[in-house]
Amino acid sequence: MSGIKKLAGHTLWYGVPKIFSRFLNYGLTLLGFRLFDAATTSDLTQVYAVIPFLNIVFTYGLETSFFRFAQVKDKKILYNTLSISLIVSTIAFTILLFIFKSPLTDFLDLTKHPQYVTWMIWIIFFDTLIVIPQSQLRLEERPARYALVNMGTILINIAVVFFFLFIAKNAYEKDPQTILGALYDPKIGVGYFILGNLVGSACGLVLLYPELSQLRFQFDKKLLKEVLIYSYPLLIVGFGGMINELLSRVIYRKVATGTPFQQDQELGIFGANYKLAVIITIFIQVFRLAAEPFFFNQSVREDAKRTYARVMKFFVIACCFMFLIVALFLDFWQLLIASKFKEYAEGIHIVPILAMASVFLGIYYNLSIWYKLTNKNMTGAYITIAGAVVTILFNFWWIPSFKYTGAAWATFICYAFMMVVSYVLGQKYYPIPYPRKKLIAYLGVATLLYIVHELIDWQLNPAWSGYYIVYYGTGLLFFALFGILILKVEAKELQRLPYVGRYFYRTA
């Protein structure tokens, strides 16, 4: 139980600040939906669909490799070697991007705003340089320091956006000749969100100065070769993962039918509703921050497999609760993005599809520990490549006919496929006693509750005075029923949980 307790504590430390900062960022995104229509925000969706792709290339799997080799190699030599490698490669990749900036701008359909691409490149540059220092904080189990850095960057990001879109813009509208008014350029528009991100990312280097100052010119060529052999399949895994997650938004304008304006509007709607699965995505990201070093550290223990199985069960339960929060209260989430520009609400039906797809992705991340621990990273790469093929085929097949609904189902099928394949192979090479029947039952019950809630909603007239009472009342009821199910089935397990276990003795 000490291992679960440590993971819970670290997840809490990573989680609360990370969730807070992500919701601040999410609020910033919602501000964009209030200030700009769907067609305008399509450029923002496009830029933030490309950044993760390039982040994978720039980091080439060194983050996970750092945790893996820190278990068997000198940590200082490893830190210095990987940091130097990443600095040199980041400079080289950045120069290449600027050389090919024009064709990249054309491919992304951002010729009206080429500065967006420039800022995007610099964001990737700064974000990459802090990868190893941040990994060092995670390895040293310093989540408070890690959280401080991340909170600082997002608050700076928000401050920059608010300055330009409210203070400088208001000054410009009153008198563009003033000092503040001259700072605002109406042609940039939604691009101030990207500019704010750039400033925040650059400040991340400053906030991590104590860690960066520890860097010494200590380069082990042989060690780097070992690391690269281990990490290159992770590059394929990461790149394939980004294809699965983001390809639909990157290629949407290329394959969708209709006028350019319709394509821009659909992409903006798709991007806005994709954001509504953010609760589950945030949890998965937070969990991974704590879990990846935890899993590697636990691998030397005799009860490691049992620990992995229990972590998976609690993870799935938490994801089911978050899925229900998203799926049972769609009307509330719809208000957040469509209170001003109503077209955003047209895509609300894809949110539960994407939410459950995110659950599948989270389960896959948990399952992937088998190939990382058995040094079968290439097998993980093959799984991801297969998933990418599924994603590409279904997106090119369904987007022209079903628009963003087809893209959402393509994401769902891809993650379900990867989850199942990874489980089957994992049980062959590194069998872990996952409570499979329970996990399937919890996912099935959560899905069934959502479907029944939707059937009830279809029978109701939104103009009826009691509509919202029934809608939200049944949503709360179904959420509570799932909670009661978990309390009954997992009573003994809940009693053993750290921190909160003592509260469940009365219900056992």
Protein backbone atom coordinates (compact mmCIF):
# COMPACT_ATOMS: atom_id res chain seq x y z
CA MET A 1 0.00 0.00 0.00
CA SER A 2 2.96 2.34 0.53
CA GLY A 3 3.47 2.44 -3.25
CA ILE A 4 -0.16 3.41 -3.90
CA LYS A 5 0.08 5.99 -1.12
CA LYS A 6 3.17 7.54 -2.70
CA LEU A 7 1.54 7.61 -6.16
CA ALA A 8 -1.62 9.15 -4.69
CA GLY A 9 0.42 11.81 -2.92
CA HIS A 10 2.43 12.68 -5.99
CA THR A 11 -0.66 12.70 -8.20
CA LEU A 12 -2.23 15.11 -5.72
CA TRP A 13 0.84 17.33 -5.76
CA TYR A 14 1.02 17.28 -9.53
CA GLY A 15 -2.73 17.27 -9.88
CA VAL A 16 -4.05 20.23 -7.93
CA PRO A 17 -1.68 22.84 -9.43
CA LYS A 18 -1.80 21.19 -12.86
CA ILE A 19 -5.59 21.03 -12.88
CA PHE A 20 -5.79 24.60 -11.63
CA SER A 21 -3.37 25.83 -14.28
CA ARG A 22 -5.06 23.81 -17.02
CA PHE A 23 -8.46 25.18 -16.06
CA LEU A 24 -7.00 28.67 -16.14
CA ASN A 25 -5.73 27.84 -19.60
CA TYR A 26 -9.11 26.34 -20.44
CA GLY A 27 -10.80 29.53 -19.26
CA LEU A 28 -8.44 31.38 -21.55
CA THR A 29 -9.59 29.18 -24.43
CA LEU A 30 -13.24 29.83 -23.56
CA LEU A 31 -12.44 33.53 -23.67
CA GLY A 32 -11.28 32.98 -27.24
CA PHE A 33 -14.63 31.37 -28.10
CA ARG A 34 -16.42 34.41 -26.66
CA LEU A 35 -14.26 36.97 -28.46
CA PHE A 36 -13.97 35.24 -31.84
CA ASP A 37 -16.31 33.18 -34.00
CA ALA A 38 -15.68 29.58 -35.04
CA ALA A 39 -14.14 30.45 -38.41
CA THR A 40 -11.61 32.76 -36.76
CA THR A 41 -10.56 30.32 -34.03
CA SER A 42 -9.81 27.68 -36.68
CA ASP A 43 -6.30 29.16 -37.03
CA LEU A 44 -5.77 28.64 -33.29
CA THR A 45 -6.99 25.04 -33.59
CA GLN A 46 -4.58 24.47 -36.47
CA VAL A 47 -1.51 25.85 -34.65
CA TYR A 48 -2.18 23.84 -31.49
CA ALA A 49 -2.70 20.70 -33.52
CA VAL A 50 0.81 21.04 -34.99
CA ILE A 51 2.77 21.96 -31.84
CA PRO A 52 2.48 18.48 -30.22
CA PHE A 53 3.68 16.85 -33.46
CA LEU A 54 6.82 18.95 -33.48
CA ASN A 55 7.34 18.54 -29.73
CA ILE A 56 7.62 14.78 -30.28
CA VAL A 57 10.28 15.27 -32.96
CA PHE A 58 12.22 17.81 -30.89
CA THR A 59 12.34 15.64 -27.74
CA TYR A 60 12.73 12.24 -29.55
CA GLY A 61 11.77 10.15 -26.52
CA LEU A 62 14.46 11.48 -24.17
CA GLU A 63 12.00 12.27 -21.37
CA THR A 64 10.94 8.63 -20.83
CA SER A 65 14.50 7.44 -21.50
CA PHE A 66 15.74 9.73 -18.73
CA PHE A 67 13.53 7.93 -16.18
CA ARG A 68 14.50 4.51 -17.52
CA PHE A 69 18.29 5.04 -17.47
CA ALA A 70 18.28 6.97 -14.19
CA GLN A 71 17.64 3.59 -12.53
CA VAL A 72 20.96 2.12 -13.72
CA LYS A 73 23.26 5.02 -14.72
CA ASP A 74 24.95 7.92 -12.94
CA LYS A 75 22.20 10.56 -12.73
CA LYS A 76 24.47 13.60 -13.11
CA ILE A 77 26.23 12.25 -16.19
CA LEU A 78 22.86 11.24 -17.64
CA TYR A 79 21.38 14.70 -16.96
CA ASN A 80 24.30 16.51 -18.57
CA THR A 81 24.54 14.19 -21.57
CA LEU A 82 20.85 14.32 -22.44
CA SER A 83 20.64 18.08 -21.81
CA ILE A 84 23.54 18.80 -24.14
CA SER A 85 22.10 16.50 -26.79
CA LEU A 86 18.71 18.18 -26.55
CA ILE A 87 20.14 21.71 -26.69
CA VAL A 88 22.20 20.97 -29.82
CA SER A 89 19.36 19.16 -31.61
CA THR A 90 16.82 21.85 -30.66
CA ILE A 91 18.95 24.57 -32.20
CA ALA A 92 19.40 22.47 -35.36
CA PHE A 93 15.68 21.62 -35.67
CA THR A 94 14.70 25.25 -35.08
CA ILE A 95 17.01 26.45 -37.85
CA LEU A 96 15.50 23.84 -40.20
CA LEU A 97 11.96 24.99 -39.41
CA PHE A 98 12.85 28.58 -40.18
CA ILE A 99 14.49 27.53 -43.45
CA PHE A 100 11.28 25.72 -44.46
CA LYS A 101 8.92 28.20 -42.83
CA SER A 102 7.24 29.25 -46.09
CA PRO A 103 6.17 25.75 -47.24
CA LEU A 104 5.12 24.96 -43.65
CA THR A 105 2.96 28.09 -43.59
CA ASP A 106 1.38 27.13 -46.91
CA PHE A 107 0.66 23.59 -45.72
CA LEU A 108 -1.06 24.89 -42.58
CA ASP A 109 -3.13 27.41 -44.59
CA LEU A 110 -1.77 30.24 -42.43
CA THR A 111 -0.48 32.48 -45.22
CA LYS A 112 -2.64 35.33 -43.90
CA HIS A 113 -0.85 35.12 -40.56
CA PRO A 114 2.74 33.86 -41.12
CA GLN A 115 3.73 35.34 -37.75
CA TYR A 116 1.66 32.58 -36.10
CA VAL A 117 4.11 30.04 -37.50
CA THR A 118 7.11 32.07 -36.30
CA TRP A 119 5.71 32.23 -32.77
CA MET A 120 4.82 28.53 -32.91
CA ILE A 121 8.43 27.62 -33.74
CA TRP A 122 9.77 29.65 -30.82
CA ILE A 123 7.22 28.09 -28.45
CA ILE A 124 8.51 24.64 -29.40
CA PHE A 125 12.10 25.86 -28.98
CA PHE A 126 11.60 27.07 -25.40
CA ASP A 127 9.34 24.17 -24.39
CA THR A 128 11.96 21.65 -25.51
CA LEU A 129 14.84 23.23 -23.61
CA ILE A 130 13.06 22.74 -20.28
CA VAL A 131 12.11 19.08 -20.82
CA ILE A 132 15.11 17.50 -19.05
CA PRO A 133 15.16 19.99 -16.12
CA GLN A 134 11.45 19.32 -15.57
CA SER A 135 12.06 15.57 -15.80
CA GLN A 136 14.78 15.97 -13.18
CA LEU A 137 12.23 17.53 -10.82
CA ARG A 138 9.88 14.60 -11.37
CA LEU A 139 12.65 12.05 -10.88
CA GLU A 140 13.75 13.73 -7.65
CA GLU A 141 10.11 13.68 -6.50
CA ARG A 142 9.84 17.47 -6.21
CA PRO A 143 6.27 18.02 -7.41
CA ALA A 144 5.89 21.30 -5.50
CA ARG A 145 8.76 22.88 -7.44
CA TYR A 146 7.44 21.37 -10.67
CA ALA A 147 3.99 22.81 -9.97
CA LEU A 148 5.42 26.25 -9.21
CA VAL A 149 7.15 26.43 -12.58
CA ASN A 150 4.07 25.31 -14.51
CA MET A 151 1.76 27.65 -12.61
CA GLY A 152 4.15 30.52 -13.25
CA THR A 153 4.25 29.98 -17.01
CA ILE A 154 0.47 29.74 -17.37
CA LEU A 155 -0.15 32.84 -15.22
CA ILE A 156 2.31 34.80 -17.35
CA ASN A 157 0.57 33.48 -20.46
CA ILE A 158 -2.81 34.65 -19.17
CA ALA A 159 -1.44 38.04 -18.11
CA VAL A 160 -0.05 38.70 -21.61
CA VAL A 161 -3.34 37.75 -23.31
CA PHE A 162 -5.42 39.91 -20.97
CA PHE A 163 -3.04 42.83 -21.42
CA PHE A 164 -3.33 42.85 -25.20
CA LEU A 165 -7.00 41.86 -25.62
CA PHE A 166 -8.38 44.09 -22.89
CA ILE A 167 -6.00 46.84 -21.77
CA ALA A 168 -4.13 47.53 -25.01
CA LYS A 169 -7.18 46.86 -27.21
CA ASN A 170 -9.38 49.23 -25.18
CA ALA A 171 -6.66 51.89 -25.38
CA TYR A 172 -6.43 51.34 -29.15
CA GLU A 173 -10.19 51.74 -29.59
CA LYS A 174 -10.12 55.01 -27.64
CA ASP A 175 -6.98 56.44 -29.24
CA PRO A 176 -4.55 54.34 -31.30
CA GLN A 177 -1.89 57.05 -30.99
CA THR A 178 -1.37 56.50 -27.26
CA ILE A 179 1.53 54.35 -26.01
CA LEU A 180 -0.81 51.55 -24.94
CA GLY A 181 -2.96 51.85 -28.05
CA ALA A 182 0.09 51.59 -30.30
CA LEU A 183 0.96 48.22 -28.73
CA TYR A 184 -2.24 46.62 -30.06
CA ASP A 185 -2.45 45.36 -33.64
CA PRO A 186 -6.00 44.39 -34.71
CA LYS A 187 -4.54 42.25 -37.53
CA ILE A 188 -3.09 39.81 -34.98
CA GLY A 189 -6.49 39.10 -33.42
CA VAL A 190 -6.68 35.54 -32.08
CA GLY A 191 -2.90 35.32 -32.48
CA TYR A 192 -2.45 37.06 -29.12
CA PHE A 193 -3.26 33.70 -27.53
CA ILE A 194 -0.22 32.24 -29.33
CA LEU A 195 1.92 35.24 -28.40
CA GLY A 196 0.95 34.84 -24.74
CA ASN A 197 1.96 31.21 -24.91
CA LEU A 198 5.33 32.20 -26.37
CA VAL A 199 6.06 34.65 -23.55
CA GLY A 200 5.02 32.08 -20.93
CA SER A 201 7.22 29.39 -22.49
CA ALA A 202 10.22 31.74 -22.62
CA CYS A 203 9.72 32.61 -18.95
CA GLY A 204 9.81 28.88 -18.16
CA LEU A 205 13.56 29.01 -18.84
CA VAL A 206 13.93 31.79 -16.28
CA LEU A 207 11.87 29.96 -13.67
CA LEU A 208 14.00 26.83 -14.13
CA TYR A 209 17.30 28.73 -13.89
CA PRO A 210 18.40 26.89 -10.67
CA GLU A 211 18.06 23.55 -12.48
CA LEU A 212 19.57 24.82 -15.73
CA SER A 213 22.55 26.27 -13.87
CA GLN A 214 23.47 22.75 -12.72
CA LEU A 215 24.30 21.79 -16.30
CA ARG A 216 27.96 20.94 -16.88
CA PHE A 217 29.76 20.05 -20.09
CA GLN A 218 29.89 16.36 -19.29
CA PHE A 219 29.05 14.34 -22.38
CA ASP A 220 29.09 10.55 -22.52
CA LYS A 221 28.87 9.55 -26.16
CA LYS A 222 28.48 5.84 -25.38
CA LEU A 223 25.65 6.55 -22.94
CA LEU A 224 23.83 8.73 -25.48
CA LYS A 225 24.05 5.91 -28.04
CA GLU A 226 22.44 3.50 -25.55
CA VAL A 227 19.71 6.03 -24.79
CA LEU A 228 18.98 6.68 -28.46
CA ILE A 229 18.68 2.96 -29.18
CA TYR A 230 16.13 2.75 -26.39
CA SER A 231 14.31 5.98 -27.29
CA TYR A 232 13.97 5.88 -31.05
CA PRO A 233 10.97 3.52 -30.89
CA LEU A 234 9.45 5.96 -28.37
CA LEU A 235 9.77 8.66 -31.02
CA ILE A 236 7.65 6.49 -33.30
CA VAL A 237 5.23 5.85 -30.44
CA GLY A 238 4.97 9.54 -29.64
CA PHE A 239 4.63 10.63 -33.25
CA GLY A 240 2.04 7.95 -33.94
CA GLY A 241 0.20 9.04 -30.80
CA MET A 242 0.05 12.60 -32.05
CA ILE A 243 -1.23 11.38 -35.42
CA ASN A 244 -3.99 9.54 -33.60
CA GLU A 245 -4.88 12.53 -31.44
CA LEU A 246 -4.36 15.49 -33.75
CA LEU A 247 -4.33 14.38 -37.39
CA SER A 248 -8.05 15.03 -37.83
CA ARG A 249 -7.54 18.71 -37.02
CA VAL A 250 -4.33 19.09 -39.02
CA ILE A 251 -5.80 17.66 -42.26
CA TYR A 252 -9.42 18.81 -41.77
CA ARG A 253 -9.20 21.66 -44.25
CA LYS A 254 -7.51 19.35 -46.76
CA VAL A 255 -10.19 16.65 -46.87
CA ALA A 256 -13.44 18.35 -45.80
CA THR A 257 -15.94 19.34 -48.46
CA GLY A 258 -17.65 22.72 -48.71
CA THR A 259 -16.43 26.29 -49.09
CA PRO A 260 -13.28 27.54 -47.33
CA PHE A 261 -15.48 29.42 -44.85
CA GLN A 262 -17.49 26.28 -44.08
CA GLN A 263 -14.27 24.32 -43.55
CA ASP A 264 -12.93 27.01 -41.21
CA GLN A 265 -16.19 27.09 -39.26
CA GLU A 266 -16.37 23.30 -38.95
CA LEU A 267 -12.74 23.15 -37.80
CA GLY A 268 -13.42 25.84 -35.21
CA ILE A 269 -16.49 23.95 -33.94
CA PHE A 270 -14.53 20.70 -33.85
CA GLY A 271 -11.68 22.32 -31.91
CA ALA A 272 -14.03 23.92 -29.39
CA ASN A 273 -15.92 20.71 -28.63
CA TYR A 274 -12.69 18.72 -28.50
CA LYS A 275 -11.75 21.01 -25.61
CA LEU A 276 -14.78 19.83 -23.64
CA ALA A 277 -13.14 16.46 -23.11
CA VAL A 278 -10.49 18.43 -21.22
CA ILE A 279 -11.42 17.09 -17.77
CA ILE A 280 -10.47 13.53 -18.66
CA THR A 281 -7.45 14.66 -20.68
CA ILE A 282 -6.16 16.77 -17.79
CA PHE A 283 -6.47 13.85 -15.38
CA ILE A 284 -4.63 11.53 -17.74
CA GLN A 285 -1.80 14.03 -18.17
CA VAL A 286 -1.55 14.62 -14.43
CA PHE A 287 -1.59 10.89 -13.77
CA ARG A 288 1.18 10.30 -16.30
CA LEU A 289 3.37 12.96 -14.69
CA ALA A 290 3.30 11.05 -11.41
CA ALA A 291 2.92 7.52 -12.76
CA GLU A 292 5.77 7.24 -15.26
CA PRO A 293 8.66 7.63 -12.77
CA PHE A 294 6.57 5.74 -10.18
CA PHE A 295 6.13 2.71 -12.47
CA PHE A 296 9.85 2.51 -13.20
CA ASN A 297 10.75 2.84 -9.51
CA GLN A 298 8.22 0.12 -8.59
CA SER A 299 9.54 -2.31 -11.20
CA VAL A 300 12.23 -3.64 -8.84
CA ARG A 301 9.69 -4.63 -6.17
CA GLU A 302 8.28 -8.15 -5.91
CA ASP A 303 4.70 -6.91 -5.79
CA ALA A 304 5.09 -4.55 -8.75
CA LYS A 305 2.56 -6.32 -10.99
CA ARG A 306 -0.07 -6.36 -8.27
CA THR A 307 0.51 -2.65 -7.71
CA TYR A 308 0.11 -1.93 -11.45
CA ALA A 309 -3.19 -3.85 -11.47
CA ARG A 310 -4.59 -1.92 -8.52
CA VAL A 311 -3.48 1.40 -10.00
CA MET A 312 -5.30 0.50 -13.22
CA LYS A 313 -8.52 -0.25 -11.36
CA PHE A 314 -8.55 3.05 -9.49
CA PHE A 315 -7.60 4.87 -12.67
CA VAL A 316 -10.54 3.40 -14.60
CA ILE A 317 -12.96 4.18 -11.77
CA ALA A 318 -11.77 7.80 -11.69
CA CYS A 319 -12.06 8.06 -15.50
CA CYS A 320 -15.62 6.67 -15.40
CA PHE A 321 -16.65 9.33 -12.90
CA MET A 322 -15.14 12.04 -15.08
CA PHE A 323 -16.80 10.63 -18.18
CA LEU A 324 -20.16 10.86 -16.41
CA ILE A 325 -19.45 14.46 -15.34
CA VAL A 326 -18.87 15.35 -18.97
CA ALA A 327 -21.57 13.19 -20.61
CA LEU A 328 -24.46 13.68 -18.16
CA PHE A 329 -24.26 17.47 -18.12
CA LEU A 330 -23.67 18.40 -21.74
CA ASP A 331 -26.05 21.35 -21.55
CA PHE A 332 -23.80 22.99 -18.97
CA TRP A 333 -20.65 22.43 -21.01
CA GLN A 334 -22.44 23.70 -24.09
CA LEU A 335 -23.11 27.02 -22.36
CA LEU A 336 -19.41 27.46 -21.72
CA ILE A 337 -18.49 27.52 -25.40
CA ALA A 338 -21.69 28.62 -27.14
CA SER A 339 -23.14 31.38 -24.99
CA LYS A 340 -22.23 34.03 -27.59
CA PHE A 341 -21.52 32.24 -30.88
CA LYS A 342 -24.23 29.59 -31.13
CA GLU A 343 -22.57 27.65 -33.93
CA TYR A 344 -20.20 26.05 -31.41
CA ALA A 345 -23.16 24.12 -29.95
CA GLU A 346 -23.68 22.25 -33.24
CA GLY A 347 -20.87 19.84 -32.37
CA ILE A 348 -21.81 19.07 -28.75
CA HIS A 349 -22.85 15.52 -29.68
CA ILE A 350 -19.23 14.50 -30.34
CA VAL A 351 -18.12 15.29 -26.78
CA PRO A 352 -19.13 11.94 -25.16
CA ILE A 353 -17.50 10.09 -28.06
CA LEU A 354 -14.23 11.95 -27.53
CA ALA A 355 -14.51 11.64 -23.74
CA MET A 356 -14.75 7.84 -23.86
CA ALA A 357 -11.96 7.79 -26.46
CA SER A 358 -9.83 9.69 -23.93
CA VAL A 359 -10.61 7.02 -21.33
CA PHE A 360 -9.39 4.35 -23.75
CA LEU A 361 -6.23 6.37 -24.35
CA GLY A 362 -5.61 6.63 -20.62
CA ILE A 363 -6.00 2.88 -20.21
CA TYR A 364 -3.57 2.35 -23.08
CA TYR A 365 -1.01 4.59 -21.35
CA ASN A 366 -1.35 2.41 -18.24
CA LEU A 367 -0.97 -0.77 -20.27
CA SER A 368 2.09 0.54 -22.11
CA ILE A 369 4.29 -0.04 -19.06
CA TRP A 370 4.79 -3.65 -20.21
CA TYR A 371 6.85 -2.80 -23.29
CA LYS A 372 8.81 -0.06 -21.52
CA LEU A 373 9.87 -2.45 -18.74
CA THR A 374 10.67 -5.36 -21.07
CA ASN A 375 12.62 -3.17 -23.52
CA LYS A 376 10.15 -4.00 -26.29
CA ASN A 377 9.62 -0.37 -27.25
CA MET A 378 9.54 -1.30 -30.91
CA THR A 379 6.47 -3.43 -30.26
CA GLY A 380 4.86 -0.35 -28.74
CA ALA A 381 5.85 1.53 -31.88
CA TYR A 382 4.15 -1.10 -34.06
CA ILE A 383 0.94 -0.74 -32.02
CA THR A 384 1.03 3.02 -32.45
CA ILE A 385 1.76 2.75 -36.17
CA ALA A 386 -1.20 0.41 -36.57
CA GLY A 387 -3.34 2.91 -34.66
CA ALA A 388 -2.09 5.70 -36.91
CA VAL A 389 -3.07 3.70 -40.00
CA VAL A 390 -6.56 3.23 -38.53
CA THR A 391 -6.75 6.97 -37.81
CA ILE A 392 -5.63 8.00 -41.28
CA LEU A 393 -7.97 5.60 -43.09
CA PHE A 394 -11.05 6.51 -41.09
CA ASN A 395 -10.40 10.25 -41.17
CA PHE A 396 -9.95 10.31 -44.94
CA TRP A 397 -13.00 8.07 -45.30
CA TRP A 398 -15.41 9.73 -42.87
CA ILE A 399 -14.55 13.45 -42.71
CA PRO A 400 -15.80 14.20 -46.26
CA SER A 401 -19.15 12.52 -45.48
CA PHE A 402 -19.68 13.02 -41.74
CA LYS A 403 -17.53 16.11 -41.01
CA TYR A 404 -16.17 16.34 -37.46
CA THR A 405 -18.54 13.58 -36.29
CA GLY A 406 -16.62 11.16 -38.49
CA ALA A 407 -13.33 12.48 -37.09
CA ALA A 408 -14.57 11.90 -33.53
CA TRP A 409 -15.56 8.29 -34.25
CA ALA A 410 -12.21 7.71 -35.97
CA THR A 411 -10.49 8.79 -32.74
CA PHE A 412 -12.74 6.48 -30.70
CA ILE A 413 -12.04 3.44 -32.89
CA CYS A 414 -8.31 4.10 -32.98
CA TYR A 415 -7.90 4.28 -29.18
CA ALA A 416 -10.16 1.27 -28.61
CA PHE A 417 -8.06 -0.72 -31.09
CA MET A 418 -4.75 0.29 -29.46
CA MET A 419 -6.06 -0.45 -25.97
CA VAL A 420 -7.17 -3.97 -26.88
CA VAL A 421 -4.01 -4.86 -28.84
CA SER A 422 -1.74 -3.54 -26.07
CA TYR A 423 -3.63 -5.55 -23.45
CA VAL A 424 -3.39 -8.80 -25.44
CA LEU A 425 0.34 -8.41 -26.14
CA GLY A 426 1.06 -7.21 -22.62
CA GLN A 427 -0.52 -10.31 -21.12
CA LYS A 428 1.75 -12.40 -23.35
CA TYR A 429 5.08 -10.71 -22.58
CA TYR A 430 4.52 -9.17 -19.13
CA PRO A 431 1.30 -10.56 -17.62
CA ILE A 432 -0.32 -8.31 -15.04
CA PRO A 433 -3.40 -9.53 -13.11
CA TYR A 434 -5.74 -6.73 -14.16
CA PRO A 435 -9.33 -7.19 -12.88
CA ARG A 436 -10.59 -7.34 -16.47
CA LYS A 437 -14.23 -8.22 -15.76
CA LYS A 438 -14.60 -5.39 -13.27
CA LEU A 439 -13.01 -2.85 -15.57
CA ILE A 440 -15.25 -3.81 -18.49
CA ALA A 441 -18.30 -3.72 -16.20
CA TYR A 442 -17.48 -0.23 -14.90
CA LEU A 443 -16.95 1.13 -18.41
CA GLY A 444 -20.16 -0.57 -19.60
CA VAL A 445 -22.27 0.76 -16.72
CA ALA A 446 -20.97 4.32 -17.21
CA THR A 447 -21.78 4.14 -20.93
CA LEU A 448 -25.23 2.68 -20.27
CA LEU A 449 -26.08 5.43 -17.79
CA TYR A 450 -25.17 8.04 -20.40
CA ILE A 451 -27.29 6.35 -23.09
CA VAL A 452 -30.33 6.10 -20.79
CA HIS A 453 -29.90 9.76 -19.84
CA GLU A 454 -29.82 10.72 -23.52
CA LEU A 455 -32.97 8.68 -24.22
CA ILE A 456 -34.75 10.53 -21.42
CA ASP A 457 -33.51 13.86 -22.78
CA TRP A 458 -34.84 13.05 -26.27
CA GLN A 459 -38.31 12.59 -24.81
CA LEU A 460 -38.28 16.00 -23.14
CA ASN A 461 -39.28 19.32 -24.67
CA PRO A 462 -36.57 21.94 -23.99
CA ALA A 463 -39.29 24.61 -23.86
CA TRP A 464 -41.02 22.84 -20.93
CA SER A 465 -40.58 24.71 -17.65
CA GLY A 466 -39.42 21.60 -15.82
CA TYR A 467 -36.91 20.53 -18.47
CA TYR A 468 -33.76 21.54 -16.61
CA ILE A 469 -34.98 20.05 -13.33
CA VAL A 470 -35.47 16.66 -14.99
CA TYR A 471 -32.30 16.94 -17.11
CA TYR A 472 -29.95 17.83 -14.29
CA GLY A 473 -31.88 15.80 -11.71
CA THR A 474 -31.53 12.55 -13.67
CA GLY A 475 -27.89 13.39 -14.36
CA LEU A 476 -27.17 13.76 -10.63
CA LEU A 477 -29.17 10.61 -9.89
CA PHE A 478 -27.23 8.50 -12.40
CA PHE A 479 -23.92 9.90 -11.14
CA ALA A 480 -24.91 8.98 -7.58
CA LEU A 481 -25.98 5.49 -8.65
CA PHE A 482 -22.57 4.86 -10.16
CA GLY A 483 -20.98 6.09 -6.94
CA ILE A 484 -23.12 3.70 -4.88
CA LEU A 485 -22.11 0.84 -7.18
CA ILE A 486 -18.42 1.58 -6.58
CA LEU A 487 -18.95 1.90 -2.81
CA LYS A 488 -20.63 -1.50 -2.68
CA VAL A 489 -18.28 -3.41 -4.96
CA GLU A 490 -15.02 -1.81 -3.83
CA ALA A 491 -15.79 -1.30 -0.12
CA LYS A 492 -12.77 -3.28 1.12
CA GLU A 493 -10.43 -1.68 -1.42
CA LEU A 494 -11.62 1.80 -0.54
CA GLN A 495 -10.95 1.14 3.15
CA ARG A 496 -7.32 0.40 2.30
CA LEU A 497 -6.78 3.64 0.39
CA PRO A 498 -4.33 6.14 1.87
CA TYR A 499 -5.72 9.38 3.34
CA VAL A 500 -9.41 8.70 2.59
CA GLY A 501 -9.74 5.02 3.52
CA ARG A 502 -10.86 5.70 7.08
CA TYR A 503 -14.01 7.43 5.77
CA PHE A 504 -15.27 4.20 4.20
CA TYR A 505 -15.36 1.99 7.28
CA ARG A 506 -18.88 3.05 8.04
CA THR A 507 -20.12 1.96 4.61
CA ALA A 508 -18.43 -1.45 4.63
